[in-house]
Structure formats: structure tokens, C-alpha cells
Protein backbone atom coordinates (compact mmCIF):
# COMPACT_ATOMS: atom_id res chain seq x y z
CA MET A 1 -88.83 -233.57 -60.98
CA GLU A 2 -92.03 -234.75 -62.56
CA TRP A 3 -93.22 -238.34 -63.06
CA ASN A 4 -94.56 -239.53 -66.44
CA SER A 5 -96.65 -242.53 -67.37
CA PHE A 6 -95.33 -245.53 -69.26
CA ASP A 7 -96.80 -245.64 -72.77
CA GLY A 8 -98.96 -248.53 -74.00
CA ALA A 9 -96.08 -250.54 -75.48
CA GLU A 10 -94.06 -250.11 -72.27
CA VAL A 11 -97.01 -251.24 -70.14
CA ALA A 12 -97.41 -254.28 -72.40
CA ALA A 13 -93.70 -255.04 -71.94
CA LEU A 14 -94.18 -254.91 -68.16
CA THR A 15 -96.62 -257.83 -68.39
CA GLU A 16 -94.10 -260.05 -70.20
CA GLY A 17 -91.72 -262.36 -68.39
CA THR A 18 -91.87 -263.46 -64.79
CA ALA A 19 -94.35 -261.73 -62.50
CA PHE A 20 -93.10 -259.61 -59.60
CA VAL A 21 -94.88 -261.94 -57.16
CA ALA A 22 -92.84 -264.88 -58.49
CA GLU A 23 -89.51 -263.02 -58.50
CA PRO A 24 -89.57 -259.82 -56.45
CA GLY A 25 -86.73 -257.42 -57.12
CA GLU A 26 -85.59 -254.72 -59.48
CA ARG A 27 -86.00 -255.26 -63.21
CA ASP A 28 -84.83 -253.66 -66.44
CA CYS A 29 -87.07 -250.74 -67.39
CA PRO A 30 -88.84 -251.10 -70.76
CA SER A 31 -88.44 -247.36 -71.33
CA CYS A 32 -84.82 -246.54 -70.45
CA GLY A 33 -83.26 -250.00 -70.01
CA ALA A 34 -81.84 -249.24 -66.53
CA ARG A 35 -82.13 -251.92 -63.86
CA ALA A 36 -84.22 -249.57 -61.77
CA LEU A 37 -87.80 -250.84 -62.21
CA ARG A 38 -89.54 -251.45 -58.88
CA ALA A 39 -92.98 -252.61 -57.78
CA TYR A 40 -95.20 -252.32 -54.72
CA LEU A 41 -98.49 -254.21 -54.29
CA THR A 42 -101.21 -253.61 -51.73
CA LYS A 43 -104.70 -254.82 -50.82
CA PRO A 44 -106.97 -251.87 -50.07
CA GLU A 45 -109.04 -252.70 -46.99
CA THR A 46 -111.90 -250.48 -48.17
CA ALA A 47 -112.39 -252.22 -51.54
CA ARG A 48 -115.77 -253.85 -52.06
CA ARG A 49 -114.18 -256.97 -53.54
CA PRO A 50 -110.76 -258.53 -52.92
CA THR A 51 -108.56 -256.16 -54.94
CA LEU A 52 -104.86 -255.98 -55.70
CA VAL A 53 -103.39 -252.54 -56.44
CA SER A 54 -99.98 -252.50 -58.15
CA TYR A 55 -97.57 -249.60 -58.53
CA VAL A 56 -94.61 -250.03 -60.89
CA TRP A 57 -92.04 -247.27 -61.36
CA CYS A 58 -88.54 -246.65 -62.66
CA THR A 59 -86.22 -244.66 -60.42
CA ALA A 60 -83.96 -243.84 -63.40
CA CYS A 61 -86.38 -242.34 -65.95
CA ARG A 62 -89.21 -241.54 -63.50
CA LYS A 63 -92.00 -243.32 -65.31
CA PHE A 64 -94.77 -245.18 -63.48
CA VAL A 65 -98.01 -247.07 -63.88
CA GLY A 66 -100.64 -248.07 -61.37
CA SER A 67 -103.28 -250.74 -61.86
CA ARG A 68 -106.06 -252.61 -60.08
CA SER A 69 -107.04 -256.23 -60.53
CA ALA A 70 -108.81 -258.99 -58.69
CA LEU A 71 -106.77 -260.31 -55.77
CA PRO A 72 -105.63 -263.83 -56.72
CA ALA A 73 -107.13 -266.40 -54.34
CA GLY A 74 -104.73 -267.29 -51.54
CA LEU A 75 -102.09 -264.65 -52.40
CA VAL A 76 -100.41 -263.40 -49.22
CA PHE A 77 -97.62 -260.86 -48.99
CA THR A 78 -95.83 -258.45 -46.74
CA ASP A 79 -97.04 -254.87 -46.84
CA PRO A 80 -94.96 -252.39 -44.86
CA LEU A 81 -97.61 -249.71 -45.25
CA ALA A 82 -100.45 -251.88 -43.91
CA THR A 83 -99.52 -251.16 -40.30
CA LEU A 84 -99.45 -247.38 -40.68
CA PRO A 85 -102.27 -245.50 -38.96
CA VAL A 86 -104.89 -244.35 -41.49
CA ALA A 87 -103.96 -240.65 -41.21
CA GLU A 88 -100.24 -241.37 -41.63
CA ARG A 89 -100.84 -243.61 -44.65
CA ARG A 90 -103.09 -240.97 -46.20
CA ASP A 91 -100.30 -238.43 -45.68
CA VAL A 92 -97.74 -240.74 -47.37
CA GLU A 93 -100.09 -241.29 -50.32
CA ARG A 94 -101.04 -237.60 -50.65
CA SER A 95 -98.79 -236.97 -53.66
CA LEU A 96 -97.35 -239.37 -56.21
CA THR A 97 -93.88 -237.87 -55.81
CA GLY A 98 -93.95 -238.23 -52.02
CA PHE A 99 -95.46 -241.71 -52.18
CA LEU A 100 -92.86 -243.07 -54.60
CA ALA A 101 -90.08 -241.35 -52.63
CA HIS A 102 -91.34 -243.13 -49.50
CA LEU A 103 -91.40 -246.47 -51.34
CA ASP A 104 -87.89 -245.82 -52.71
CA GLY A 105 -86.73 -245.23 -49.12
CA LEU A 106 -88.19 -248.62 -48.17
CA TRP A 107 -86.27 -250.19 -51.08
CA GLU A 108 -83.03 -248.48 -50.05
CA THR A 109 -83.36 -249.77 -46.47
CA GLY A 110 -84.24 -253.34 -47.55
CA VAL A 111 -87.88 -253.27 -46.39
CA LEU A 112 -88.94 -253.71 -50.02
CA PRO A 113 -89.19 -255.75 -52.20
CA GLN A 114 -92.09 -257.57 -50.66
CA SER A 115 -92.28 -261.30 -49.96
CA PHE A 116 -95.10 -263.29 -51.57
CA GLY A 117 -96.68 -266.67 -50.97
CA VAL A 118 -99.87 -268.63 -51.49
CA ARG A 119 -102.08 -269.71 -48.61
CA SER A 120 -103.78 -273.00 -49.31
CA ALA A 121 -107.51 -273.26 -48.77
CA SER A 122 -108.40 -275.14 -45.60
């Protein structure tokens, strides 16, 4: 089954309300209304600047969006994919369908959602 992108209005709706870092967990999907909207955030080690990459997808209607932004200062979080060897992570990320299926598996086993915090500057 194919994945589709959220449209502009749906992406705008995703930015409303409480951020995933403040309240991790499933949400209501702006497209289909099912409580099946999930998120995964990561910090790419190869980025030139501190970068936050976000993936948001709905397991019910199979819509997704990915985005990049500046990594907020002090934001720390768990990342179950960070410890994977480079080749294994590349294999997981090879296709969108396989990648989101892997993330869904982590949700189903309780590894996701992630935990977030803020490290104070010392």
C-alpha cells in the first residue's frame, strides 16, 4: 500500500496545539480523524548545523510529512535508531514504506514514542 503526503491545510493543522516534544504520543490525524498520528524525531550526525528532522505519519490513512528545522538549543531526546550501525540504519531508511513500518514496530513494542527534555547550559 502506498503512502501519500499530507496536503498544505493538513500540515498547517499539524503545527497547531501542543508540540510532540511537549506531549509525546499518538494524536488525532487531521486527514482521517483517527487517533493514529505518530511522530519520530532525529538529529542527523552528518548535518552541517544542528538540525532536527521530523517524520509525522498516520497509520490509519497512510499519509506522512517529513521536515527539517534548526535543533532547538538544549533539546535532548531518546533515539532508538541512533545506536544502529550506519549500514543497518541506511538499510532501515532505504524505503519510506520499510522505514515507517520499522518505526511502527517500535511504537507497537513501546520503544516509541520518544522521551524529550531540555539540557540547561552550563
